Structures are given as C-alpha cells and as structure tokens.
N, C-alpha and C. Protein backbone atom coordinates (compact mmCIF):
# COMPACT_ATOMS: atom_id res chain seq x y z
N MET A 1 3.52 -16.58 -55.59
CA MET A 1 2.53 -17.51 -55.43
C MET A 1 1.48 -17.47 -56.38
N LYS A 2 1.02 -18.44 -56.82
CA LYS A 2 0.01 -18.47 -57.92
C LYS A 2 -1.54 -18.44 -57.24
N LYS A 3 -2.13 -17.57 -58.23
CA LYS A 3 -3.60 -17.19 -57.42
C LYS A 3 -4.40 -18.36 -58.16
N PHE A 4 -5.47 -18.84 -57.56
CA PHE A 4 -6.42 -19.41 -58.42
C PHE A 4 -7.91 -18.97 -58.23
N THR A 5 -8.52 -19.12 -59.06
CA THR A 5 -10.04 -18.78 -59.07
C THR A 5 -11.03 -19.80 -58.53
N LEU A 6 -11.54 -19.57 -57.67
CA LEU A 6 -12.40 -20.70 -57.02
C LEU A 6 -13.88 -20.21 -56.78
N ASP A 7 -14.84 -20.90 -57.37
CA ASP A 7 -16.06 -20.53 -57.40
C ASP A 7 -16.96 -21.02 -56.09
N GLY A 8 -18.27 -20.79 -55.71
CA GLY A 8 -19.03 -21.10 -54.95
C GLY A 8 -18.92 -22.55 -54.44
N VAL A 9 -19.05 -23.45 -55.48
CA VAL A 9 -18.82 -24.83 -55.54
C VAL A 9 -17.59 -25.44 -54.80
N ASP A 10 -16.40 -24.78 -55.37
CA ASP A 10 -15.11 -25.09 -54.85
C ASP A 10 -15.00 -24.83 -53.32
N LYS A 11 -15.69 -23.56 -53.19
CA LYS A 11 -15.57 -23.24 -51.57
C LYS A 11 -16.23 -24.23 -50.88
N ALA A 12 -17.69 -24.58 -51.35
CA ALA A 12 -18.46 -25.41 -50.49
C ALA A 12 -17.66 -26.76 -50.40
N ILE A 13 -16.87 -27.15 -51.09
CA ILE A 13 -16.21 -28.57 -51.33
C ILE A 13 -15.32 -28.53 -50.34
N LEU A 14 -14.52 -27.27 -50.24
CA LEU A 14 -13.39 -27.14 -49.28
C LEU A 14 -14.00 -27.12 -48.00
N LEU A 15 -15.04 -26.37 -47.45
CA LEU A 15 -15.80 -26.26 -46.39
C LEU A 15 -16.11 -27.73 -45.81
N GLN A 16 -16.68 -28.57 -46.81
CA GLN A 16 -16.92 -29.96 -46.35
C GLN A 16 -15.60 -30.54 -46.01
N LEU A 17 -14.69 -30.76 -46.69
CA LEU A 17 -13.36 -31.45 -46.69
C LEU A 17 -12.67 -31.11 -45.33
N GLN A 18 -12.69 -29.58 -44.92
CA GLN A 18 -12.20 -29.02 -43.58
C GLN A 18 -12.94 -29.80 -42.69
N LYS A 19 -14.35 -29.91 -42.62
CA LYS A 19 -15.01 -30.53 -41.49
C LYS A 19 -14.55 -32.15 -41.18
N ASN A 20 -14.60 -32.92 -42.75
CA ASN A 20 -14.22 -34.12 -42.45
C ASN A 20 -13.78 -34.71 -43.77
N ALA A 21 -12.39 -34.96 -43.81
CA ALA A 21 -11.99 -35.14 -45.22
C ALA A 21 -12.41 -36.78 -45.38
N ASP A 22 -12.78 -37.53 -44.59
CA ASP A 22 -13.20 -38.87 -44.95
C ASP A 22 -14.48 -39.09 -45.49
N THR A 23 -15.16 -37.83 -45.41
CA THR A 23 -16.45 -37.80 -46.45
C THR A 23 -16.47 -38.43 -47.46
N PRO A 24 -17.60 -39.42 -47.81
CA PRO A 24 -17.39 -40.16 -49.17
C PRO A 24 -17.79 -38.86 -50.28
N VAL A 25 -17.04 -38.79 -51.28
CA VAL A 25 -17.23 -37.98 -52.43
C VAL A 25 -18.69 -37.82 -52.87
N ALA A 26 -19.46 -38.84 -52.84
CA ALA A 26 -20.79 -38.90 -53.33
C ALA A 26 -21.61 -37.97 -52.12
N ASP A 27 -21.37 -37.98 -50.99
CA ASP A 27 -21.74 -37.11 -49.89
C ASP A 27 -21.41 -35.62 -50.17
N ILE A 28 -20.29 -35.45 -50.20
CA ILE A 28 -19.92 -33.95 -50.52
C ILE A 28 -20.66 -33.68 -51.88
N ALA A 29 -20.62 -34.44 -52.72
CA ALA A 29 -21.28 -33.94 -54.23
C ALA A 29 -22.95 -33.66 -53.91
N GLU A 30 -23.35 -34.31 -53.23
CA GLU A 30 -24.92 -34.13 -52.78
C GLU A 30 -25.10 -32.79 -52.15
N GLN A 31 -24.06 -32.42 -50.89
CA GLN A 31 -24.13 -31.33 -50.25
C GLN A 31 -23.87 -30.31 -51.10
N VAL A 32 -22.92 -30.03 -52.10
CA VAL A 32 -22.39 -29.37 -53.14
C VAL A 32 -23.44 -28.83 -54.25
N GLY A 33 -24.31 -29.94 -54.39
CA GLY A 33 -25.25 -29.72 -55.64
C GLY A 33 -24.55 -30.20 -56.92
N LEU A 34 -23.87 -31.43 -56.90
CA LEU A 34 -23.01 -31.77 -58.08
C LEU A 34 -23.43 -33.36 -58.20
N THR A 35 -23.08 -33.95 -59.42
CA THR A 35 -22.91 -35.50 -59.09
C THR A 35 -21.35 -35.89 -58.92
N THR A 36 -21.18 -37.11 -58.52
CA THR A 36 -20.19 -37.60 -57.92
C THR A 36 -18.96 -37.50 -58.83
N THR A 37 -18.91 -37.62 -60.05
CA THR A 37 -17.70 -37.57 -60.88
C THR A 37 -17.48 -36.13 -61.13
N PRO A 38 -18.08 -35.04 -61.34
CA PRO A 38 -17.71 -33.81 -61.64
C PRO A 38 -17.22 -33.38 -60.00
N CYS A 39 -17.85 -33.66 -58.88
CA CYS A 39 -17.10 -33.34 -57.59
C CYS A 39 -15.94 -33.71 -57.29
N TRP A 40 -15.79 -35.19 -57.83
CA TRP A 40 -14.17 -35.70 -57.52
C TRP A 40 -13.15 -35.31 -58.61
N ARG A 41 -13.57 -34.71 -59.77
CA ARG A 41 -12.92 -33.96 -60.52
C ARG A 41 -12.04 -32.49 -60.01
N ARG A 42 -13.18 -32.04 -59.27
CA ARG A 42 -13.01 -30.63 -58.54
C ARG A 42 -11.99 -30.97 -57.36
N ILE A 43 -12.44 -31.84 -56.57
CA ILE A 43 -11.31 -32.32 -55.56
C ILE A 43 -9.81 -32.58 -56.22
N GLN A 44 -9.80 -33.51 -57.19
CA GLN A 44 -8.53 -33.62 -57.70
C GLN A 44 -7.87 -32.38 -58.32
N ARG A 45 -8.63 -31.39 -58.94
CA ARG A 45 -7.84 -30.30 -59.09
C ARG A 45 -7.59 -29.58 -58.15
N LEU A 46 -8.34 -29.41 -57.26
CA LEU A 46 -7.91 -28.42 -55.87
C LEU A 46 -6.51 -29.26 -55.17
N GLU A 47 -6.60 -30.40 -55.27
CA GLU A 47 -5.13 -31.34 -54.85
C GLU A 47 -4.20 -31.03 -55.64
N THR A 48 -4.09 -31.02 -56.93
CA THR A 48 -3.14 -30.81 -58.17
C THR A 48 -2.83 -29.40 -58.06
N GLN A 49 -3.67 -28.45 -57.79
CA GLN A 49 -3.43 -26.92 -57.54
C GLN A 49 -2.56 -26.53 -56.32
N GLY A 50 -2.58 -27.42 -55.59
CA GLY A 50 -2.03 -27.53 -54.00
C GLY A 50 -2.90 -26.54 -53.19
N ILE A 51 -4.11 -26.59 -53.44
CA ILE A 51 -5.18 -25.92 -52.39
C ILE A 51 -5.38 -26.73 -51.40
N ILE A 52 -5.41 -28.07 -51.77
CA ILE A 52 -5.71 -29.03 -50.65
C ILE A 52 -4.31 -29.78 -50.33
N ALA A 53 -3.34 -29.36 -49.58
CA ALA A 53 -1.96 -29.64 -49.48
C ALA A 53 -1.95 -31.37 -48.99
N LYS A 54 -2.72 -31.97 -48.20
CA LYS A 54 -2.82 -33.29 -47.90
C LYS A 54 -4.01 -33.72 -46.92
N ARG A 55 -4.16 -34.91 -46.74
CA ARG A 55 -5.42 -35.18 -45.89
C ARG A 55 -4.73 -36.05 -44.64
N VAL A 56 -5.34 -35.53 -43.36
CA VAL A 56 -4.57 -36.08 -42.36
C VAL A 56 -5.63 -36.50 -40.97
N ALA A 57 -5.31 -37.31 -40.05
CA ALA A 57 -6.05 -37.58 -38.86
C ALA A 57 -5.63 -36.62 -37.90
N LEU A 58 -6.44 -36.01 -37.43
CA LEU A 58 -6.16 -34.83 -36.11
C LEU A 58 -6.19 -35.73 -34.89
N LEU A 59 -5.25 -35.80 -34.10
CA LEU A 59 -5.18 -36.59 -32.94
C LEU A 59 -5.34 -35.50 -31.33
N GLN A 60 -6.21 -36.27 -30.63
CA GLN A 60 -6.43 -35.22 -29.47
C GLN A 60 -4.93 -35.60 -28.45
N ALA A 61 -4.25 -34.51 -28.45
CA ALA A 61 -3.12 -34.09 -27.70
C ALA A 61 -3.19 -34.68 -26.25
N LYS A 62 -4.30 -34.41 -25.43
CA LYS A 62 -4.54 -34.54 -24.00
C LYS A 62 -4.61 -36.07 -23.82
N THR A 63 -5.56 -36.80 -24.84
CA THR A 63 -5.77 -37.90 -24.78
C THR A 63 -4.39 -38.89 -24.88
N LEU A 64 -3.62 -38.39 -25.47
CA LEU A 64 -2.32 -38.85 -25.94
C LEU A 64 -1.31 -38.58 -24.71
N GLY A 65 -1.74 -37.91 -23.65
CA GLY A 65 -0.75 -37.56 -22.45
C GLY A 65 0.03 -36.24 -22.77
N LEU A 66 -0.18 -35.53 -23.99
CA LEU A 66 0.46 -34.21 -24.07
C LEU A 66 -0.65 -33.18 -23.41
N ALA A 67 -0.44 -33.18 -22.22
CA ALA A 67 -1.12 -32.08 -21.48
C ALA A 67 -0.75 -30.71 -21.56
N MET A 68 0.30 -30.44 -21.85
CA MET A 68 0.98 -29.25 -21.63
C MET A 68 1.10 -28.46 -22.59
N THR A 69 0.92 -27.15 -23.17
CA THR A 69 1.27 -26.45 -24.44
C THR A 69 2.10 -25.47 -23.91
N VAL A 70 2.97 -25.08 -24.23
CA VAL A 70 4.03 -24.00 -24.04
C VAL A 70 4.48 -23.34 -25.49
N PHE A 71 4.63 -21.99 -25.11
CA PHE A 71 4.85 -21.13 -26.32
C PHE A 71 6.36 -20.46 -26.23
N VAL A 72 7.09 -20.92 -26.89
CA VAL A 72 8.43 -20.50 -26.63
C VAL A 72 8.83 -19.30 -27.45
N GLN A 73 9.51 -18.24 -26.89
CA GLN A 73 9.88 -17.08 -27.74
C GLN A 73 11.54 -17.07 -27.53
N ILE A 74 11.86 -16.74 -28.96
CA ILE A 74 13.73 -17.10 -28.75
C ILE A 74 14.01 -15.87 -29.35
N LYS A 75 15.14 -15.02 -28.98
CA LYS A 75 16.04 -14.22 -29.58
C LYS A 75 17.27 -14.80 -30.09
N ALA A 76 17.19 -14.53 -31.48
CA ALA A 76 18.42 -15.15 -32.24
C ALA A 76 19.76 -14.49 -31.40
N ALA A 77 20.73 -15.49 -31.47
CA ALA A 77 22.36 -15.23 -31.20
C ALA A 77 22.98 -14.44 -32.08
N ARG A 78 22.44 -14.62 -33.42
CA ARG A 78 23.11 -13.77 -34.54
C ARG A 78 22.20 -13.83 -35.69
N HIS A 79 22.37 -12.94 -36.38
CA HIS A 79 21.33 -12.69 -37.86
C HIS A 79 21.97 -13.03 -38.79
N ASP A 80 22.91 -14.11 -38.99
CA ASP A 80 23.51 -14.49 -40.36
C ASP A 80 23.02 -15.64 -40.72
N GLY A 81 23.23 -15.87 -42.20
CA GLY A 81 22.55 -17.05 -42.57
C GLY A 81 22.79 -18.50 -42.15
N LYS A 82 23.93 -18.57 -42.00
CA LYS A 82 24.41 -19.93 -41.41
C LYS A 82 23.89 -20.23 -39.92
N TRP A 83 23.96 -19.20 -39.06
CA TRP A 83 23.16 -19.51 -37.63
C TRP A 83 21.81 -19.63 -37.90
N LEU A 84 21.11 -19.03 -39.07
CA LEU A 84 19.60 -19.05 -39.10
C LEU A 84 19.27 -20.46 -39.44
N ASP A 85 19.99 -21.06 -40.50
CA ASP A 85 20.01 -22.52 -41.13
C ASP A 85 20.17 -23.48 -39.90
N ASP A 86 21.20 -23.12 -39.23
CA ASP A 86 21.53 -24.05 -38.12
C ASP A 86 20.44 -24.04 -37.15
N PHE A 87 19.94 -22.90 -36.71
CA PHE A 87 18.66 -23.17 -35.90
C PHE A 87 17.34 -23.64 -36.21
N ALA A 88 17.12 -23.07 -37.63
CA ALA A 88 16.04 -23.76 -38.36
C ALA A 88 16.12 -25.37 -38.39
N LYS A 89 17.29 -26.01 -38.60
CA LYS A 89 17.43 -27.43 -38.87
C LYS A 89 17.46 -27.91 -37.14
N HIS A 90 17.96 -27.22 -36.32
CA HIS A 90 18.10 -27.64 -34.86
C HIS A 90 16.69 -27.69 -34.36
N ALA A 91 15.88 -26.73 -34.34
CA ALA A 91 14.45 -26.52 -34.07
C ALA A 91 13.38 -27.69 -34.50
N ALA A 92 13.75 -27.70 -35.98
CA ALA A 92 12.94 -28.73 -36.82
C ALA A 92 12.89 -30.24 -35.98
N SER A 93 14.06 -30.43 -35.38
CA SER A 93 14.56 -31.95 -35.23
C SER A 93 13.70 -32.26 -34.15
N PHE A 94 12.99 -31.26 -33.29
CA PHE A 94 12.32 -31.82 -32.22
C PHE A 94 10.71 -32.11 -32.44
N ASP A 95 10.39 -33.43 -32.14
CA ASP A 95 9.01 -33.96 -32.00
C ASP A 95 8.15 -33.22 -31.35
N GLU A 96 8.39 -32.38 -30.11
CA GLU A 96 7.68 -31.57 -29.22
C GLU A 96 7.22 -30.09 -29.85
N ILE A 97 7.84 -29.85 -30.99
CA ILE A 97 7.77 -28.59 -31.49
C ILE A 97 6.80 -29.15 -32.75
N VAL A 98 5.41 -28.27 -32.59
CA VAL A 98 4.40 -28.62 -33.54
C VAL A 98 4.28 -27.37 -34.34
N GLU A 99 4.49 -26.55 -34.01
CA GLU A 99 4.46 -25.07 -34.90
C GLU A 99 5.93 -24.48 -34.72
N PHE A 100 6.24 -23.46 -35.66
CA PHE A 100 7.91 -23.05 -35.77
C PHE A 100 7.53 -21.72 -36.60
N TYR A 101 7.80 -20.72 -35.96
CA TYR A 101 7.65 -19.26 -36.81
C TYR A 101 8.83 -18.51 -36.74
N ARG A 102 9.32 -17.78 -37.71
CA ARG A 102 10.17 -16.76 -37.74
C ARG A 102 8.99 -15.53 -37.70
N MET A 103 9.47 -14.60 -36.58
CA MET A 103 8.55 -13.77 -36.17
C MET A 103 9.27 -12.27 -36.53
N SER A 104 8.47 -11.35 -36.61
CA SER A 104 8.96 -9.81 -36.63
C SER A 104 8.74 -9.26 -35.02
N GLY A 105 9.19 -8.08 -34.75
CA GLY A 105 9.04 -7.64 -33.24
C GLY A 105 10.38 -8.10 -32.52
N GLU A 106 9.87 -7.87 -31.12
CA GLU A 106 11.37 -8.13 -30.26
C GLU A 106 11.65 -9.56 -30.21
N TYR A 107 10.91 -10.52 -30.45
CA TYR A 107 11.42 -11.78 -30.56
C TYR A 107 11.53 -12.49 -32.07
N ASP A 108 12.71 -13.32 -32.26
CA ASP A 108 12.76 -13.83 -33.65
C ASP A 108 12.16 -15.22 -33.86
N TYR A 109 11.84 -15.79 -33.12
CA TYR A 109 11.02 -17.22 -33.19
C TYR A 109 10.11 -17.41 -32.19
N LEU A 110 9.05 -18.04 -32.59
CA LEU A 110 8.01 -18.59 -31.77
C LEU A 110 7.56 -20.11 -32.02
N LEU A 111 7.93 -20.51 -31.05
CA LEU A 111 7.60 -22.35 -31.20
C LEU A 111 6.46 -22.53 -30.16
N LYS A 112 5.65 -23.49 -31.04
CA LYS A 112 4.80 -23.97 -29.94
C LYS A 112 5.18 -25.77 -29.73
N VAL A 113 4.93 -25.87 -28.17
CA VAL A 113 5.58 -27.19 -28.05
C VAL A 113 4.60 -27.63 -27.18
N LEU A 114 4.43 -29.05 -27.49
CA LEU A 114 3.56 -29.78 -26.86
C LEU A 114 4.26 -31.09 -25.83
N VAL A 115 3.90 -31.01 -24.61
CA VAL A 115 4.62 -31.88 -23.74
C VAL A 115 3.74 -32.58 -22.67
N LYS A 116 4.13 -33.53 -21.82
CA LYS A 116 3.38 -34.08 -20.98
C LYS A 116 3.18 -33.50 -19.66
N ASP A 117 4.33 -32.90 -19.23
CA ASP A 117 4.07 -32.28 -17.91
C ASP A 117 5.44 -31.20 -17.79
N MET A 118 5.70 -30.57 -16.71
CA MET A 118 6.75 -29.75 -16.43
C MET A 118 8.14 -30.23 -16.68
N ASP A 119 8.21 -31.61 -15.84
CA ASP A 119 9.51 -32.22 -16.02
C ASP A 119 9.76 -32.74 -17.40
N ASP A 120 8.90 -32.96 -18.30
CA ASP A 120 9.12 -33.32 -19.84
C ASP A 120 9.52 -31.99 -20.47
N PHE A 121 8.92 -30.88 -19.97
CA PHE A 121 9.21 -29.47 -20.77
C PHE A 121 10.68 -29.09 -20.38
N ASP A 122 11.19 -29.51 -19.07
CA ASP A 122 12.32 -28.99 -18.60
C ASP A 122 13.46 -29.91 -19.64
N LEU A 123 13.18 -31.18 -19.84
CA LEU A 123 14.22 -31.94 -20.41
C LEU A 123 14.14 -31.35 -21.94
N PHE A 124 12.92 -31.05 -22.52
CA PHE A 124 12.88 -30.52 -23.99
C PHE A 124 14.03 -29.12 -23.84
N TYR A 125 13.54 -28.39 -23.01
CA TYR A 125 14.31 -26.73 -22.80
C TYR A 125 15.73 -26.92 -22.73
N LYS A 126 16.38 -28.06 -21.67
CA LYS A 126 17.73 -28.35 -21.75
C LYS A 126 18.15 -28.62 -23.14
N ARG A 127 17.75 -29.84 -23.73
CA ARG A 127 17.93 -30.07 -25.23
C ARG A 127 18.26 -28.96 -26.11
N LEU A 128 16.99 -27.96 -26.18
CA LEU A 128 16.98 -27.12 -26.92
C LEU A 128 18.16 -25.90 -26.97
N VAL A 129 18.37 -25.45 -25.88
CA VAL A 129 19.46 -24.48 -25.56
C VAL A 129 20.72 -25.10 -25.33
N ASN A 130 20.94 -26.50 -25.03
CA ASN A 130 22.30 -26.71 -25.24
C ASN A 130 22.69 -27.24 -26.49
N GLY A 131 21.63 -27.38 -27.76
CA GLY A 131 22.18 -27.60 -29.01
C GLY A 131 22.34 -26.36 -29.77
N ILE A 132 22.45 -25.14 -29.40
CA ILE A 132 22.80 -24.03 -30.03
C ILE A 132 22.84 -22.89 -29.60
N ASP A 133 23.56 -22.04 -29.92
CA ASP A 133 23.75 -20.65 -29.27
C ASP A 133 22.58 -19.65 -29.40
N LEU A 134 21.93 -19.47 -28.34
CA LEU A 134 20.65 -18.35 -28.26
C LEU A 134 20.94 -17.19 -27.30
N ASN A 135 20.50 -16.21 -27.57
CA ASN A 135 20.53 -14.87 -26.95
C ASN A 135 19.59 -14.87 -25.75
N ASP A 136 18.30 -15.32 -26.02
CA ASP A 136 17.18 -15.15 -25.02
C ASP A 136 16.21 -16.13 -25.32
N VAL A 137 15.59 -16.62 -24.19
CA VAL A 137 14.48 -17.83 -24.52
C VAL A 137 13.62 -17.41 -23.41
N THR A 138 12.27 -17.39 -23.64
CA THR A 138 11.27 -17.12 -22.53
C THR A 138 10.16 -18.02 -23.17
N SER A 139 9.41 -18.63 -22.03
CA SER A 139 8.54 -19.74 -22.21
C SER A 139 7.27 -19.10 -21.31
N SER A 140 5.94 -19.36 -22.24
CA SER A 140 4.75 -18.93 -21.56
C SER A 140 3.83 -20.36 -21.72
N PHE A 141 3.38 -20.44 -20.59
CA PHE A 141 2.51 -21.85 -20.46
C PHE A 141 1.01 -21.53 -20.67
N ALA A 142 0.35 -22.43 -21.65
CA ALA A 142 -1.15 -22.35 -21.73
C ALA A 142 -1.95 -22.70 -20.65
N MET A 143 -2.68 -21.99 -20.04
CA MET A 143 -3.70 -22.38 -19.03
C MET A 143 -4.86 -23.11 -19.52
N GLU A 144 -5.46 -22.37 -20.66
CA GLU A 144 -6.52 -22.88 -21.23
C GLU A 144 -6.59 -22.75 -22.62
N GLN A 145 -7.13 -23.52 -23.43
CA GLN A 145 -7.25 -23.62 -24.75
C GLN A 145 -8.72 -23.09 -24.94
N ILE A 146 -8.97 -21.94 -25.65
CA ILE A 146 -10.20 -21.20 -25.92
C ILE A 146 -10.63 -21.68 -27.19
N LYS A 147 -9.85 -21.50 -28.29
CA LYS A 147 -10.42 -21.67 -29.54
C LYS A 147 -9.41 -22.81 -30.32
N TYR A 148 -9.57 -23.88 -30.97
CA TYR A 148 -8.61 -24.53 -31.76
C TYR A 148 -9.14 -25.04 -33.05
N THR A 149 -8.69 -24.69 -34.08
CA THR A 149 -9.13 -25.33 -35.43
C THR A 149 -8.30 -25.50 -36.43
N THR A 150 -8.40 -26.33 -37.28
CA THR A 150 -7.44 -26.49 -38.50
C THR A 150 -8.08 -25.93 -39.44
N ALA A 151 -9.39 -25.78 -39.58
CA ALA A 151 -10.23 -25.13 -40.55
C ALA A 151 -9.80 -23.73 -41.05
N LEU A 152 -9.44 -23.30 -42.57
CA LEU A 152 -9.03 -22.14 -42.63
C LEU A 152 -10.30 -21.24 -43.09
N PRO A 153 -10.34 -20.06 -42.72
CA PRO A 153 -11.41 -19.12 -43.12
C PRO A 153 -11.42 -19.08 -44.62
N LEU A 154 -12.72 -19.12 -45.25
CA LEU A 154 -12.89 -19.06 -46.55
C LEU A 154 -13.91 -18.23 -47.11
N HIS A 155 -14.35 -17.24 -46.18
CA HIS A 155 -15.38 -16.05 -46.52
C HIS A 155 -14.96 -15.16 -47.41
N HIS A 156 -13.42 -14.91 -47.58
CA HIS A 156 -12.54 -13.97 -48.44
C HIS A 156 -12.81 -14.37 -49.84
N LEU A 157 -13.12 -15.60 -50.00
CA LEU A 157 -13.05 -16.35 -51.49
C LEU A 157 -14.19 -15.64 -52.40
C-alpha cells in the first residue's frame, strides 16, 4: 500500500469533506486558510491518490423502512480457495448485506445485514443458507445503535 504524506491543510480538508462532501470548495478553502484554486487542486490530488475514494449520499436506513440491523457470523464449510471465492460471490450478491468481512477467531465471516423486520430477515437467511454449504451460522440482532459514523479518525496523521 502506497503511503502519502498529508499536511495539516490536507487533514483539515478531509475533515470538512467527511462532514459534508457537498460543501462548496470556496467554503472549504476559507475554513482551511487557502484560496479556492489551491484548495481545489489539493482535493483533486487527494482523489487522484485514492485517499478520497468517492463522494456519496448517506441514506437513513430506518426512514427507508430498514429498521432491523443483524450481525451474522459464519463458519466456513471448507477452507479451500474455490469455496472461499464461491462464498464471497454468493454473499456479495445480497443487497441486504451492507458490510462483509473475513475474520480471525472462532467465526470466519461477519456480515452486517439491514432488513425491514424479522420476516424479512427470515427470507434473507433462507436464501443465504440455501445458496451455499456453510458449517455454522449465528445471528445477533442490534437492539440500539449507540454510535454510527462514516468519518475516519485522522488524529494519527
């Protein structure tokens, strides 16, 4: 992985963009002590370097009827390359899975799943387990979201 050197101005720009990527460049420039053109060039460089991956709209899951968050832990049926590739493709095909990780420890995979309700989760679960051979599946239902952010910590820069 290529390492980039970021200065305090770059960090300040990134902090502003993480708060609101729609902020006009002129406003960001004023907040970080630059004029518009140098600020715009820095943003372009951060994008070119892959530090800014993309700009998106964050939607409210509950407002859209996705009131249930479920964390699904999976133990692989096998640990060969073909099964791992097949499972990755299978799991990635579900819109309900919004995060998907290969893990160390007792369980091999962790899925974050958003659904309307228990009936919707049951349908998802049946499609998930019927599509591929799994060793063990366990689900935990989030009762309350204590913290949620898409902003990355930048204090280490």
